[in-house]
Amino acid sequence: YSPEHNTFDRCEQCSCQHGKCVSTNGTCLCPSGFLCSNSTCSVCEMNTCSVEEKPKRTEHPPGQYLYQCEPKCPEYQYFDSKEDTCKPKTQCITLGLVEKIPGNNTHDSICQKPHDNNSVYMILCFGFVLLSLTLFIFVSHTCWRNIRKQAANKKPIQAVQCKT
């Protein structure tokens, strides 16, 4: 056994002569990023969990470990990797906002103001009224000019007498 911590993927059997070996077993540990595969930690396996997950160990058969990844944070929280902590997801509805992008295991929800459909209808109605008013003024002006022109053409021409 290894008498001290090392970064090998397994502990080595003592290879020294009797009497020169340490009488107690060393404690085997796996290097960073690896997990013990059994109760003596004689074999290490790579930790395949992502940053926002943690390994959950089960023992099957006895002395042998299996790992499954599970979220570090509960359902209504996300893992902030910068601060290495779980934080509650923003509940947009409680702020009077709507959820633009839902939160997940690694990111908070992104909120935005709710769309005000009334303002769109008001703008469309105002535009329609303005266009109608402009068209009415144009048609009225054109008709008024034509009436004046026709009235000018129907007037009799008065002859002015000149005394000579």
N, C-alpha and C. Protein backbone atom coordinates (compact mmCIF):
# COMPACT_ATOMS: atom_id res chain seq x y z
N TYR A 1 0.84 -1.19 0.00
CA TYR A 1 0.00 0.00 0.00
C TYR A 1 0.87 1.24 0.00
N SER A 2 0.30 2.31 -0.44
CA SER A 2 1.04 3.57 -0.45
C SER A 2 0.97 4.19 0.94
N PRO A 3 2.10 4.52 1.53
CA PRO A 3 2.10 5.06 2.89
C PRO A 3 1.68 6.53 2.95
N GLU A 4 1.55 7.17 1.82
CA GLU A 4 1.17 8.59 1.81
C GLU A 4 0.34 8.89 0.56
N HIS A 5 -0.29 10.05 0.56
CA HIS A 5 -1.14 10.46 -0.57
C HIS A 5 -0.30 10.61 -1.83
N ASN A 6 -0.83 10.10 -2.95
CA ASN A 6 -0.17 10.30 -4.24
C ASN A 6 -1.24 10.52 -5.30
N THR A 7 -0.83 10.81 -6.50
CA THR A 7 -1.78 11.10 -7.57
C THR A 7 -1.91 9.96 -8.58
N PHE A 8 -1.45 8.77 -8.21
CA PHE A 8 -1.61 7.63 -9.10
C PHE A 8 -3.08 7.21 -9.12
N ASP A 9 -3.48 6.51 -10.17
CA ASP A 9 -4.89 6.11 -10.26
C ASP A 9 -5.21 4.87 -9.42
N ARG A 10 -4.22 4.27 -8.79
CA ARG A 10 -4.48 3.14 -7.89
C ARG A 10 -3.34 3.04 -6.87
N CYS A 11 -3.65 2.40 -5.73
CA CYS A 11 -2.62 2.21 -4.71
C CYS A 11 -1.78 0.98 -5.07
N GLU A 12 -0.53 1.04 -4.75
CA GLU A 12 0.39 -0.06 -5.06
C GLU A 12 0.55 -0.96 -3.83
N GLN A 13 0.76 -2.23 -4.10
CA GLN A 13 1.06 -3.16 -3.02
C GLN A 13 2.48 -2.88 -2.51
N CYS A 14 2.70 -3.14 -1.24
CA CYS A 14 4.05 -2.96 -0.70
C CYS A 14 4.99 -3.93 -1.41
N SER A 15 6.14 -3.45 -1.79
CA SER A 15 7.09 -4.31 -2.48
C SER A 15 8.41 -4.40 -1.70
N CYS A 16 8.40 -3.90 -0.49
CA CYS A 16 9.64 -3.93 0.29
C CYS A 16 9.71 -5.21 1.13
N GLN A 17 10.88 -5.45 1.72
CA GLN A 17 11.07 -6.64 2.54
C GLN A 17 10.33 -6.46 3.85
N HIS A 18 9.95 -7.61 4.44
CA HIS A 18 9.24 -7.57 5.72
C HIS A 18 10.07 -6.83 6.74
N GLY A 19 9.39 -6.08 7.56
CA GLY A 19 10.08 -5.34 8.60
C GLY A 19 10.38 -3.92 8.20
N LYS A 20 10.50 -3.66 6.90
CA LYS A 20 10.78 -2.30 6.45
C LYS A 20 9.51 -1.57 6.02
N CYS A 21 8.42 -2.30 5.86
CA CYS A 21 7.16 -1.67 5.45
C CYS A 21 6.48 -1.05 6.66
N VAL A 22 5.67 -0.05 6.37
CA VAL A 22 4.86 0.57 7.41
C VAL A 22 3.79 -0.43 7.80
N SER A 23 3.49 -0.52 9.06
CA SER A 23 2.55 -1.55 9.52
C SER A 23 1.09 -1.18 9.28
N THR A 24 0.81 0.09 9.02
CA THR A 24 -0.58 0.49 8.75
C THR A 24 -0.73 0.83 7.27
N ASN A 25 -1.92 0.62 6.77
CA ASN A 25 -2.20 0.95 5.38
C ASN A 25 -2.28 2.47 5.22
N GLY A 26 -1.77 2.95 4.11
CA GLY A 26 -1.93 4.37 3.80
C GLY A 26 -3.36 4.61 3.31
N THR A 27 -3.82 5.84 3.43
CA THR A 27 -5.15 6.17 2.95
C THR A 27 -5.04 6.61 1.50
N CYS A 28 -5.69 5.87 0.65
CA CYS A 28 -5.64 6.22 -0.78
C CYS A 28 -6.69 7.27 -1.08
N LEU A 29 -6.31 8.20 -1.91
CA LEU A 29 -7.22 9.24 -2.38
C LEU A 29 -7.05 9.38 -3.88
N CYS A 30 -8.10 9.79 -4.54
CA CYS A 30 -8.02 10.03 -5.98
C CYS A 30 -7.64 11.49 -6.23
N PRO A 31 -6.95 11.74 -7.34
CA PRO A 31 -6.60 13.12 -7.66
C PRO A 31 -7.86 13.93 -8.00
N SER A 32 -7.71 15.22 -8.04
CA SER A 32 -8.82 16.12 -8.36
C SER A 32 -9.43 15.74 -9.70
N GLY A 33 -10.76 15.68 -9.73
CA GLY A 33 -11.46 15.32 -10.97
C GLY A 33 -11.74 13.83 -11.08
N PHE A 34 -11.33 13.05 -10.08
CA PHE A 34 -11.55 11.61 -10.08
C PHE A 34 -12.28 11.20 -8.81
N LEU A 35 -12.95 10.04 -8.84
CA LEU A 35 -13.71 9.52 -7.71
C LEU A 35 -13.27 8.10 -7.41
N CYS A 36 -13.34 7.72 -6.13
CA CYS A 36 -12.99 6.35 -5.73
C CYS A 36 -14.03 5.38 -6.28
N SER A 37 -13.56 4.28 -6.86
CA SER A 37 -14.48 3.29 -7.42
C SER A 37 -14.84 2.19 -6.44
N ASN A 38 -14.13 2.14 -5.31
CA ASN A 38 -14.44 1.12 -4.31
C ASN A 38 -14.12 1.64 -2.91
N SER A 39 -14.43 0.83 -1.91
CA SER A 39 -14.29 1.28 -0.52
C SER A 39 -12.84 1.49 -0.09
N THR A 40 -11.89 0.83 -0.74
CA THR A 40 -10.48 1.03 -0.40
C THR A 40 -9.84 2.11 -1.26
N CYS A 41 -10.57 2.59 -2.24
CA CYS A 41 -10.11 3.63 -3.16
C CYS A 41 -8.86 3.17 -3.91
N SER A 42 -8.83 1.87 -4.24
CA SER A 42 -7.68 1.33 -4.96
C SER A 42 -7.77 1.63 -6.46
N VAL A 43 -8.96 2.01 -6.93
CA VAL A 43 -9.15 2.37 -8.34
C VAL A 43 -9.94 3.67 -8.39
N CYS A 44 -9.54 4.55 -9.29
CA CYS A 44 -10.23 5.84 -9.45
C CYS A 44 -10.92 5.88 -10.81
N GLU A 45 -12.02 6.59 -10.87
CA GLU A 45 -12.70 6.82 -12.15
C GLU A 45 -12.93 8.32 -12.31
N MET A 46 -12.98 8.73 -13.56
CA MET A 46 -13.13 10.16 -13.84
C MET A 46 -14.53 10.64 -13.42
N ASN A 47 -14.57 11.81 -12.80
CA ASN A 47 -15.84 12.44 -12.45
C ASN A 47 -16.42 13.05 -13.73
N THR A 48 -17.55 12.51 -14.20
CA THR A 48 -18.15 12.98 -15.45
C THR A 48 -19.24 14.03 -15.23
N CYS A 49 -19.45 14.44 -13.99
CA CYS A 49 -20.48 15.44 -13.70
C CYS A 49 -20.01 16.82 -14.14
N SER A 50 -20.97 17.62 -14.61
CA SER A 50 -20.65 18.99 -15.02
C SER A 50 -20.57 19.88 -13.78
N VAL A 51 -20.19 21.13 -13.98
CA VAL A 51 -19.96 22.06 -12.88
C VAL A 51 -21.20 22.23 -12.01
N GLU A 52 -22.39 22.25 -12.63
CA GLU A 52 -23.61 22.47 -11.86
C GLU A 52 -24.20 21.18 -11.28
N GLU A 53 -23.46 20.07 -11.43
CA GLU A 53 -23.93 18.79 -10.91
C GLU A 53 -22.97 18.27 -9.84
N LYS A 54 -23.49 17.34 -9.04
CA LYS A 54 -22.65 16.67 -8.04
C LYS A 54 -22.85 15.16 -8.19
N PRO A 55 -21.79 14.40 -7.92
CA PRO A 55 -21.93 12.94 -8.03
C PRO A 55 -22.67 12.36 -6.82
N LYS A 56 -23.60 11.46 -7.08
CA LYS A 56 -24.32 10.76 -6.01
C LYS A 56 -23.85 9.31 -6.04
N ARG A 57 -23.26 8.88 -4.92
CA ARG A 57 -22.65 7.56 -4.85
C ARG A 57 -23.64 6.52 -4.33
N THR A 58 -23.66 5.36 -5.01
CA THR A 58 -24.40 4.20 -4.53
C THR A 58 -23.42 3.04 -4.48
N GLU A 59 -23.66 2.12 -3.56
CA GLU A 59 -22.75 0.97 -3.39
C GLU A 59 -23.43 -0.27 -3.95
N HIS A 60 -22.84 -0.81 -5.02
CA HIS A 60 -23.41 -2.00 -5.63
C HIS A 60 -22.36 -2.69 -6.48
N PRO A 61 -21.98 -3.88 -6.30
CA PRO A 61 -22.20 -4.70 -5.11
C PRO A 61 -21.43 -4.10 -3.93
N PRO A 62 -21.58 -4.67 -2.73
CA PRO A 62 -20.90 -4.09 -1.56
C PRO A 62 -19.40 -3.89 -1.82
N GLY A 63 -18.95 -2.69 -1.49
CA GLY A 63 -17.54 -2.36 -1.68
C GLY A 63 -17.25 -1.69 -3.02
N GLN A 64 -18.16 -1.78 -3.97
CA GLN A 64 -17.99 -1.16 -5.29
C GLN A 64 -18.94 0.04 -5.40
N TYR A 65 -18.43 1.15 -5.91
CA TYR A 65 -19.22 2.38 -6.00
C TYR A 65 -19.64 2.68 -7.43
N LEU A 66 -20.87 3.11 -7.57
CA LEU A 66 -21.39 3.63 -8.84
C LEU A 66 -21.80 5.07 -8.59
N TYR A 67 -21.64 5.92 -9.59
CA TYR A 67 -21.98 7.34 -9.44
C TYR A 67 -22.99 7.76 -10.49
N GLN A 68 -23.92 8.58 -10.06
CA GLN A 68 -24.86 9.24 -10.97
C GLN A 68 -24.79 10.73 -10.67
N CYS A 69 -24.88 11.53 -11.72
CA CYS A 69 -24.83 12.98 -11.54
C CYS A 69 -26.23 13.51 -11.25
N GLU A 70 -26.32 14.41 -10.28
CA GLU A 70 -27.59 15.07 -9.97
C GLU A 70 -27.32 16.57 -9.78
N PRO A 71 -28.32 17.41 -10.01
CA PRO A 71 -28.11 18.86 -9.88
C PRO A 71 -27.67 19.23 -8.46
N LYS A 72 -26.76 20.20 -8.37
CA LYS A 72 -26.32 20.69 -7.07
C LYS A 72 -27.42 21.48 -6.38
N CYS A 73 -28.28 22.12 -7.19
CA CYS A 73 -29.29 23.02 -6.66
C CYS A 73 -30.69 22.44 -6.82
N PRO A 74 -31.62 22.82 -5.92
CA PRO A 74 -33.01 22.41 -6.08
C PRO A 74 -33.63 23.00 -7.35
N GLU A 75 -34.84 22.57 -7.66
CA GLU A 75 -35.50 22.94 -8.93
C GLU A 75 -35.63 24.44 -9.15
N TYR A 76 -35.96 25.21 -8.12
CA TYR A 76 -36.19 26.64 -8.28
C TYR A 76 -34.94 27.48 -8.02
N GLN A 77 -33.77 26.86 -8.16
CA GLN A 77 -32.50 27.57 -8.00
C GLN A 77 -31.60 27.23 -9.17
N TYR A 78 -30.58 28.05 -9.35
CA TYR A 78 -29.57 27.79 -10.38
C TYR A 78 -28.20 27.89 -9.74
N PHE A 79 -27.21 27.25 -10.36
CA PHE A 79 -25.85 27.25 -9.82
C PHE A 79 -25.06 28.38 -10.44
N ASP A 80 -24.62 29.32 -9.60
CA ASP A 80 -23.80 30.44 -10.04
C ASP A 80 -22.34 30.00 -9.94
N SER A 81 -21.72 29.68 -11.07
CA SER A 81 -20.36 29.14 -11.07
C SER A 81 -19.34 30.19 -10.64
N LYS A 82 -19.62 31.47 -10.85
CA LYS A 82 -18.67 32.52 -10.43
C LYS A 82 -18.56 32.57 -8.92
N GLU A 83 -19.69 32.41 -8.23
CA GLU A 83 -19.69 32.46 -6.77
C GLU A 83 -19.74 31.06 -6.14
N ASP A 84 -19.80 30.02 -6.98
CA ASP A 84 -19.82 28.63 -6.53
C ASP A 84 -20.92 28.40 -5.48
N THR A 85 -22.12 28.88 -5.80
CA THR A 85 -23.24 28.74 -4.87
C THR A 85 -24.57 28.66 -5.63
N CYS A 86 -25.57 28.12 -4.95
CA CYS A 86 -26.92 28.07 -5.52
C CYS A 86 -27.64 29.38 -5.20
N LYS A 87 -28.36 29.90 -6.19
CA LYS A 87 -29.13 31.13 -6.00
C LYS A 87 -30.55 30.88 -6.49
N PRO A 88 -31.54 31.56 -5.89
CA PRO A 88 -32.92 31.37 -6.35
C PRO A 88 -33.13 31.98 -7.73
N LYS A 89 -33.91 31.28 -8.56
CA LYS A 89 -34.25 31.83 -9.88
C LYS A 89 -35.23 32.97 -9.69
N THR A 90 -35.10 34.02 -10.49
CA THR A 90 -36.00 35.16 -10.43
C THR A 90 -37.40 34.72 -10.87
N GLN A 91 -38.39 35.01 -10.05
CA GLN A 91 -39.79 34.72 -10.38
C GLN A 91 -40.37 35.98 -11.02
N CYS A 92 -40.34 36.05 -12.35
CA CYS A 92 -40.74 37.25 -13.09
C CYS A 92 -42.15 37.70 -12.74
N ILE A 93 -43.06 36.75 -12.59
CA ILE A 93 -44.47 37.10 -12.37
C ILE A 93 -44.66 37.86 -11.07
N THR A 94 -43.83 37.57 -10.06
CA THR A 94 -43.95 38.29 -8.79
C THR A 94 -43.48 39.73 -8.91
N LEU A 95 -42.71 40.03 -9.95
CA LEU A 95 -42.24 41.40 -10.19
C LEU A 95 -43.13 42.13 -11.19
N GLY A 96 -44.21 41.48 -11.64
CA GLY A 96 -45.10 42.08 -12.62
C GLY A 96 -44.52 42.03 -14.03
N LEU A 97 -43.61 41.12 -14.26
CA LEU A 97 -42.95 40.98 -15.56
C LEU A 97 -43.29 39.62 -16.16
N VAL A 98 -42.91 39.43 -17.41
CA VAL A 98 -43.06 38.12 -18.05
C VAL A 98 -41.68 37.54 -18.31
N GLU A 99 -41.62 36.22 -18.37
CA GLU A 99 -40.36 35.52 -18.57
C GLU A 99 -39.98 35.54 -20.05
N LYS A 100 -38.87 36.20 -20.36
CA LYS A 100 -38.37 36.25 -21.74
C LYS A 100 -37.62 34.96 -22.04
N ILE A 101 -36.70 34.59 -21.13
CA ILE A 101 -35.92 33.35 -21.26
C ILE A 101 -36.00 32.64 -19.91
N PRO A 102 -36.50 31.40 -19.89
CA PRO A 102 -36.60 30.69 -18.62
C PRO A 102 -35.22 30.32 -18.07
N GLY A 103 -35.13 30.30 -16.75
CA GLY A 103 -33.88 29.90 -16.11
C GLY A 103 -33.67 28.41 -16.24
N ASN A 104 -32.41 27.97 -16.03
CA ASN A 104 -32.10 26.54 -16.05
C ASN A 104 -31.14 26.24 -14.90
N ASN A 105 -30.41 25.15 -14.96
CA ASN A 105 -29.51 24.77 -13.86
C ASN A 105 -28.33 25.72 -13.69
N THR A 106 -27.99 26.48 -14.75
CA THR A 106 -26.80 27.33 -14.69
C THR A 106 -27.08 28.82 -14.87
N HIS A 107 -28.30 29.19 -15.26
CA HIS A 107 -28.60 30.60 -15.52
C HIS A 107 -29.93 31.01 -14.91
N ASP A 108 -29.98 32.27 -14.50
CA ASP A 108 -31.20 32.84 -13.93
C ASP A 108 -32.20 33.14 -15.05
N SER A 109 -33.45 33.28 -14.68
CA SER A 109 -34.49 33.67 -15.64
C SER A 109 -34.25 35.12 -16.08
N ILE A 110 -34.58 35.42 -17.32
CA ILE A 110 -34.49 36.79 -17.82
C ILE A 110 -35.92 37.29 -18.01
N CYS A 111 -36.21 38.43 -17.36
CA CYS A 111 -37.56 38.99 -17.38
C CYS A 111 -37.64 40.20 -18.30
N GLN A 112 -38.85 40.52 -18.71
CA GLN A 112 -39.08 41.74 -19.50
C GLN A 112 -40.48 42.25 -19.19
N LYS A 113 -40.72 43.51 -19.55
CA LYS A 113 -42.04 44.09 -19.34
C LYS A 113 -43.03 43.37 -20.25
N PRO A 114 -44.27 43.19 -19.78
CA PRO A 114 -45.26 42.53 -20.64
C PRO A 114 -45.59 43.41 -21.84
N HIS A 115 -45.89 42.76 -22.96
CA HIS A 115 -46.26 43.49 -24.17
C HIS A 115 -47.61 44.15 -23.95
N ASP A 116 -47.71 45.43 -24.28
CA ASP A 116 -48.97 46.15 -24.15
C ASP A 116 -49.61 46.21 -25.53
N ASN A 117 -50.52 45.28 -25.81
CA ASN A 117 -51.17 45.22 -27.12
C ASN A 117 -52.05 46.43 -27.38
N ASN A 118 -52.56 47.08 -26.33
CA ASN A 118 -53.41 48.25 -26.52
C ASN A 118 -52.66 49.37 -27.20
N SER A 119 -51.39 49.54 -26.89
CA SER A 119 -50.62 50.62 -27.51
C SER A 119 -50.47 50.39 -29.01
N VAL A 120 -50.35 49.15 -29.43
CA VAL A 120 -50.24 48.85 -30.86
C VAL A 120 -51.54 49.23 -31.56
N TYR A 121 -52.67 48.86 -30.96
CA TYR A 121 -53.97 49.20 -31.55
C TYR A 121 -54.18 50.71 -31.58
N MET A 122 -53.75 51.39 -30.53
CA MET A 122 -53.91 52.84 -30.50
C MET A 122 -53.09 53.50 -31.60
N ILE A 123 -51.88 53.05 -31.81
CA ILE A 123 -51.03 53.61 -32.86
C ILE A 123 -51.65 53.36 -34.23
N LEU A 124 -52.16 52.15 -34.46
CA LEU A 124 -52.80 51.85 -35.74
C LEU A 124 -54.05 52.71 -35.96
N CYS A 125 -54.86 52.87 -34.93
CA CYS A 125 -56.07 53.70 -35.04
C CYS A 125 -55.71 55.15 -35.30
N PHE A 126 -54.74 55.67 -34.58
CA PHE A 126 -54.31 57.05 -34.78
C PHE A 126 -53.80 57.25 -36.21
N GLY A 127 -53.03 56.31 -36.71
CA GLY A 127 -52.52 56.38 -38.08
C GLY A 127 -53.64 56.36 -39.09
N PHE A 128 -54.64 55.51 -38.86
CA PHE A 128 -55.79 55.43 -39.77
C PHE A 128 -56.57 56.74 -39.78
N VAL A 129 -56.82 57.32 -38.60
CA VAL A 129 -57.54 58.60 -38.51
C VAL A 129 -56.76 59.70 -39.20
N LEU A 130 -55.45 59.76 -38.97
CA LEU A 130 -54.61 60.79 -39.58
C LEU A 130 -54.62 60.65 -41.11
N LEU A 131 -54.51 59.44 -41.61
CA LEU A 131 -54.54 59.21 -43.06
C LEU A 131 -55.90 59.59 -43.64
N SER A 132 -56.98 59.22 -42.96
CA SER A 132 -58.33 59.57 -43.42
C SER A 132 -58.53 61.08 -43.46
N LEU A 133 -58.08 61.77 -42.42
CA LEU A 133 -58.21 63.23 -42.36
C LEU A 133 -57.42 63.90 -43.48
N THR A 134 -56.22 63.43 -43.73
CA THR A 134 -55.39 63.98 -44.81
C THR A 134 -56.06 63.75 -46.16
N LEU A 135 -56.58 62.57 -46.38
CA LEU A 135 -57.27 62.26 -47.63
C LEU A 135 -58.52 63.13 -47.80
N PHE A 136 -59.28 63.33 -46.72
CA PHE A 136 -60.49 64.17 -46.76
C PHE A 136 -60.13 65.61 -47.12
N ILE A 137 -59.08 66.15 -46.50
CA ILE A 137 -58.66 67.53 -46.80
C ILE A 137 -58.21 67.65 -48.25
N PHE A 138 -57.46 66.69 -48.75
CA PHE A 138 -56.99 66.72 -50.13
C PHE A 138 -58.17 66.70 -51.11
N VAL A 139 -59.11 65.78 -50.91
CA VAL A 139 -60.28 65.67 -51.80
C VAL A 139 -61.12 66.94 -51.72
N SER A 140 -61.34 67.47 -50.53
CA SER A 140 -62.13 68.71 -50.36
C SER A 140 -61.47 69.87 -51.09
N HIS A 141 -60.18 70.01 -50.94
CA HIS A 141 -59.45 71.11 -51.58
C HIS A 141 -59.53 70.99 -53.11
N THR A 142 -59.38 69.77 -53.62
CA THR A 142 -59.45 69.54 -55.07
C THR A 142 -60.85 69.87 -55.59
N CYS A 143 -61.88 69.43 -54.91
CA CYS A 143 -63.26 69.73 -55.32
C CYS A 143 -63.52 71.23 -55.27
N TRP A 144 -63.09 71.89 -54.24
CA TRP A 144 -63.31 73.33 -54.09
C TRP A 144 -62.64 74.09 -55.23
N ARG A 145 -61.42 73.68 -55.62
CA ARG A 145 -60.73 74.33 -56.75
C ARG A 145 -61.49 74.12 -58.05
N ASN A 146 -61.99 72.91 -58.28
CA ASN A 146 -62.75 72.63 -59.50
C ASN A 146 -64.04 73.43 -59.55
N ILE A 147 -64.74 73.57 -58.46
CA ILE A 147 -65.98 74.34 -58.41
C ILE A 147 -65.70 75.81 -58.71
N ARG A 148 -64.63 76.36 -58.13
CA ARG A 148 -64.27 77.76 -58.39
C ARG A 148 -63.90 77.96 -59.85
N LYS A 149 -63.22 76.99 -60.42
CA LYS A 149 -62.80 77.09 -61.82
C LYS A 149 -64.02 77.08 -62.74
N GLN A 150 -64.96 76.16 -62.46
CA GLN A 150 -66.18 76.09 -63.28
C GLN A 150 -67.03 77.34 -63.10
N ALA A 151 -67.11 77.87 -61.93
CA ALA A 151 -67.89 79.08 -61.68
C ALA A 151 -67.29 80.25 -62.43
N ALA A 152 -65.99 80.31 -62.51
CA ALA A 152 -65.32 81.40 -63.21
C ALA A 152 -65.59 81.30 -64.70
N ASN A 153 -65.71 80.10 -65.24
CA ASN A 153 -65.96 79.91 -66.67
C ASN A 153 -67.41 80.23 -67.04
N LYS A 154 -68.37 80.19 -66.15
CA LYS A 154 -69.77 80.42 -66.45
C LYS A 154 -70.17 81.89 -66.32
N LYS A 155 -69.35 82.72 -65.74
CA LYS A 155 -69.71 84.13 -65.59
C LYS A 155 -69.73 84.79 -66.96
N PRO A 156 -70.76 85.59 -67.21
CA PRO A 156 -70.76 86.33 -68.47
C PRO A 156 -69.70 87.43 -68.41
N ILE A 157 -69.15 87.70 -69.53
CA ILE A 157 -68.13 88.74 -69.60
C ILE A 157 -68.86 90.05 -69.87
N GLN A 158 -68.62 90.99 -69.03
CA GLN A 158 -69.24 92.30 -69.22
C GLN A 158 -68.37 93.12 -70.16
N ALA A 159 -69.06 93.74 -71.05
CA ALA A 159 -68.33 94.62 -71.97
C ALA A 159 -68.23 95.99 -71.32
N VAL A 160 -67.10 96.47 -71.32
CA VAL A 160 -66.87 97.79 -70.75
C VAL A 160 -66.88 98.78 -71.91
N GLN A 161 -67.69 99.78 -71.76
CA GLN A 161 -67.75 100.77 -72.84
C GLN A 161 -66.72 101.85 -72.59
N CYS A 162 -66.11 102.17 -73.61
CA CYS A 162 -65.12 103.24 -73.55
C CYS A 162 -65.68 104.42 -74.34
N LYS A 163 -65.58 105.56 -73.81
CA LYS A 163 -66.03 106.74 -74.53
C LYS A 163 -64.87 107.27 -75.31
N THR A 164 -65.11 107.44 -76.49
CA THR A 164 -64.09 108.01 -77.36
C THR A 164 -64.50 109.30 -77.96
